[in-house]
Amino acid sequence: MRLRLLAVAHFLEGANRTQVAAMTMISRRIVNQWISNYLSQGLNGLESKKSSGRPPRLTG
C-alpha cells in the first residue's frame, strides 16, 4: 500500500506516469492502473483486492 501511495503522491506533485514508474521502479502499466483507480475511486481504489484465480490444491 505504501508504494501505491508514494506513486500517487508523485503523480499529484506533477510527475507524469512514466516518471512515476521510473522513480518507483514499477512498470508503467501498473502505475497507470494505480493512478486510474485512485482517480476514479479515491483511496479505496488503492486497496489490494483478493485474487480471483483458481483456489490452490494444496492445503495449509
N, C-alpha and C. Protein backbone atom coordinates (compact mmCIF):
# COMPACT_ATOMS: atom_id res chain seq x y z
N MET A 1 0.83 -1.19 0.00
CA MET A 1 0.00 0.00 0.00
C MET A 1 0.88 1.26 0.00
N ARG A 2 2.01 1.20 0.71
CA ARG A 2 2.88 2.38 0.78
C ARG A 2 3.39 2.79 -0.59
N LEU A 3 3.78 1.81 -1.39
CA LEU A 3 4.31 2.12 -2.71
C LEU A 3 3.23 2.74 -3.59
N ARG A 4 2.02 2.27 -3.45
CA ARG A 4 0.90 2.85 -4.21
C ARG A 4 0.66 4.29 -3.81
N LEU A 5 0.71 4.56 -2.50
CA LEU A 5 0.52 5.93 -2.02
C LEU A 5 1.66 6.83 -2.49
N LEU A 6 2.88 6.30 -2.47
CA LEU A 6 4.03 7.06 -2.93
C LEU A 6 3.88 7.40 -4.41
N ALA A 7 3.45 6.44 -5.21
CA ALA A 7 3.26 6.67 -6.64
C ALA A 7 2.21 7.76 -6.88
N VAL A 8 1.11 7.69 -6.16
CA VAL A 8 0.05 8.69 -6.31
C VAL A 8 0.54 10.06 -5.86
N ALA A 9 1.32 10.09 -4.77
CA ALA A 9 1.85 11.36 -4.29
C ALA A 9 2.75 12.01 -5.34
N HIS A 10 3.62 11.23 -5.96
CA HIS A 10 4.48 11.77 -7.02
C HIS A 10 3.63 12.31 -8.18
N PHE A 11 2.58 11.57 -8.52
CA PHE A 11 1.70 12.00 -9.61
C PHE A 11 1.01 13.31 -9.26
N LEU A 12 0.52 13.42 -8.04
CA LEU A 12 -0.18 14.63 -7.62
C LEU A 12 0.75 15.83 -7.51
N GLU A 13 2.04 15.57 -7.31
CA GLU A 13 3.03 16.65 -7.25
C GLU A 13 3.46 17.11 -8.64
N GLY A 14 2.98 16.45 -9.69
CA GLY A 14 3.25 16.92 -11.04
C GLY A 14 4.05 15.99 -11.93
N ALA A 15 4.51 14.87 -11.40
CA ALA A 15 5.24 13.91 -12.24
C ALA A 15 4.26 13.19 -13.16
N ASN A 16 4.69 12.92 -14.39
CA ASN A 16 3.80 12.15 -15.26
C ASN A 16 3.95 10.67 -14.93
N ARG A 17 3.11 9.85 -15.53
CA ARG A 17 3.07 8.43 -15.17
C ARG A 17 4.37 7.71 -15.51
N THR A 18 5.01 8.10 -16.59
CA THR A 18 6.29 7.49 -16.96
C THR A 18 7.36 7.83 -15.93
N GLN A 19 7.38 9.06 -15.46
CA GLN A 19 8.34 9.47 -14.44
C GLN A 19 8.07 8.74 -13.13
N VAL A 20 6.80 8.60 -12.77
CA VAL A 20 6.44 7.89 -11.54
C VAL A 20 6.92 6.44 -11.62
N ALA A 21 6.74 5.81 -12.78
CA ALA A 21 7.18 4.43 -12.96
C ALA A 21 8.69 4.33 -12.78
N ALA A 22 9.42 5.27 -13.33
CA ALA A 22 10.88 5.25 -13.20
C ALA A 22 11.31 5.49 -11.75
N MET A 23 10.65 6.41 -11.05
CA MET A 23 11.00 6.72 -9.67
C MET A 23 10.73 5.56 -8.72
N THR A 24 9.64 4.85 -8.97
CA THR A 24 9.24 3.76 -8.07
C THR A 24 9.73 2.40 -8.54
N MET A 25 10.32 2.35 -9.74
CA MET A 25 10.80 1.11 -10.34
C MET A 25 9.69 0.08 -10.49
N ILE A 26 8.51 0.56 -10.88
CA ILE A 26 7.34 -0.27 -11.14
C ILE A 26 6.97 -0.05 -12.60
N SER A 27 6.42 -1.06 -13.25
CA SER A 27 6.08 -0.91 -14.66
C SER A 27 5.03 0.20 -14.85
N ARG A 28 5.10 0.84 -16.01
CA ARG A 28 4.18 1.94 -16.30
C ARG A 28 2.75 1.44 -16.34
N ARG A 29 2.54 0.21 -16.77
CA ARG A 29 1.19 -0.36 -16.83
C ARG A 29 0.58 -0.43 -15.43
N ILE A 30 1.36 -0.85 -14.46
CA ILE A 30 0.87 -0.94 -13.08
C ILE A 30 0.62 0.46 -12.52
N VAL A 31 1.55 1.38 -12.78
CA VAL A 31 1.37 2.76 -12.32
C VAL A 31 0.10 3.35 -12.93
N ASN A 32 -0.12 3.12 -14.21
CA ASN A 32 -1.35 3.60 -14.86
C ASN A 32 -2.58 3.05 -14.16
N GLN A 33 -2.53 1.78 -13.81
CA GLN A 33 -3.67 1.15 -13.14
C GLN A 33 -3.90 1.78 -11.77
N TRP A 34 -2.84 1.98 -11.00
CA TRP A 34 -2.97 2.58 -9.67
C TRP A 34 -3.53 4.00 -9.76
N ILE A 35 -2.99 4.79 -10.68
CA ILE A 35 -3.45 6.18 -10.81
C ILE A 35 -4.91 6.22 -11.25
N SER A 36 -5.26 5.40 -12.21
CA SER A 36 -6.65 5.36 -12.68
C SER A 36 -7.59 4.95 -11.56
N ASN A 37 -7.20 3.93 -10.79
CA ASN A 37 -8.02 3.50 -9.66
C ASN A 37 -8.17 4.62 -8.64
N TYR A 38 -7.09 5.32 -8.37
CA TYR A 38 -7.15 6.43 -7.41
C TYR A 38 -8.06 7.54 -7.91
N LEU A 39 -7.93 7.90 -9.17
CA LEU A 39 -8.73 9.00 -9.72
C LEU A 39 -10.22 8.66 -9.77
N SER A 40 -10.55 7.39 -9.97
CA SER A 40 -11.96 7.02 -10.06
C SER A 40 -12.58 6.64 -8.72
N GLN A 41 -11.76 6.08 -7.79
CA GLN A 41 -12.32 5.57 -6.54
C GLN A 41 -11.71 6.17 -5.28
N GLY A 42 -10.75 7.05 -5.44
CA GLY A 42 -10.09 7.63 -4.26
C GLY A 42 -9.17 6.62 -3.61
N LEU A 43 -8.92 6.79 -2.32
CA LEU A 43 -8.00 5.90 -1.61
C LEU A 43 -8.49 4.46 -1.59
N ASN A 44 -9.79 4.24 -1.64
CA ASN A 44 -10.32 2.88 -1.67
C ASN A 44 -9.86 2.13 -2.92
N GLY A 45 -9.59 2.85 -3.99
CA GLY A 45 -9.13 2.22 -5.22
C GLY A 45 -7.72 1.68 -5.12
N LEU A 46 -6.98 2.08 -4.09
CA LEU A 46 -5.60 1.62 -3.94
C LEU A 46 -5.48 0.38 -3.07
N GLU A 47 -6.56 -0.05 -2.45
CA GLU A 47 -6.51 -1.22 -1.59
C GLU A 47 -6.31 -2.47 -2.41
N SER A 48 -5.60 -3.43 -1.83
CA SER A 48 -5.38 -4.71 -2.50
C SER A 48 -6.68 -5.49 -2.58
N LYS A 49 -6.89 -6.09 -3.70
CA LYS A 49 -8.09 -6.91 -3.89
C LYS A 49 -7.71 -8.38 -3.79
N LYS A 50 -8.64 -9.21 -3.35
CA LYS A 50 -8.40 -10.63 -3.27
C LYS A 50 -8.30 -11.19 -4.69
N SER A 51 -7.35 -12.07 -4.88
CA SER A 51 -7.16 -12.69 -6.19
C SER A 51 -8.39 -13.52 -6.54
N SER A 52 -8.77 -13.47 -7.82
CA SER A 52 -9.96 -14.20 -8.24
C SER A 52 -9.61 -15.49 -8.98
N GLY A 53 -8.39 -15.93 -8.87
CA GLY A 53 -7.94 -17.13 -9.57
C GLY A 53 -8.47 -18.41 -8.94
N ARG A 54 -8.08 -19.51 -9.53
CA ARG A 54 -8.50 -20.81 -9.03
C ARG A 54 -7.88 -21.05 -7.65
N PRO A 55 -8.64 -21.62 -6.71
CA PRO A 55 -8.08 -21.88 -5.39
C PRO A 55 -6.96 -22.91 -5.45
N PRO A 56 -6.00 -22.85 -4.54
CA PRO A 56 -4.89 -23.80 -4.57
C PRO A 56 -5.35 -25.22 -4.22
N ARG A 57 -4.65 -26.20 -4.78
CA ARG A 57 -4.98 -27.61 -4.48
C ARG A 57 -4.37 -28.04 -3.15
N LEU A 58 -3.25 -27.45 -2.78
CA LEU A 58 -2.57 -27.84 -1.55
C LEU A 58 -3.23 -27.16 -0.35
N THR A 59 -3.32 -27.89 0.72
CA THR A 59 -3.86 -27.31 1.95
C THR A 59 -2.74 -26.75 2.80
N GLY A 60 -3.09 -25.93 3.74
CA GLY A 60 -2.10 -25.32 4.62
C GLY A 60 -1.42 -26.34 5.46
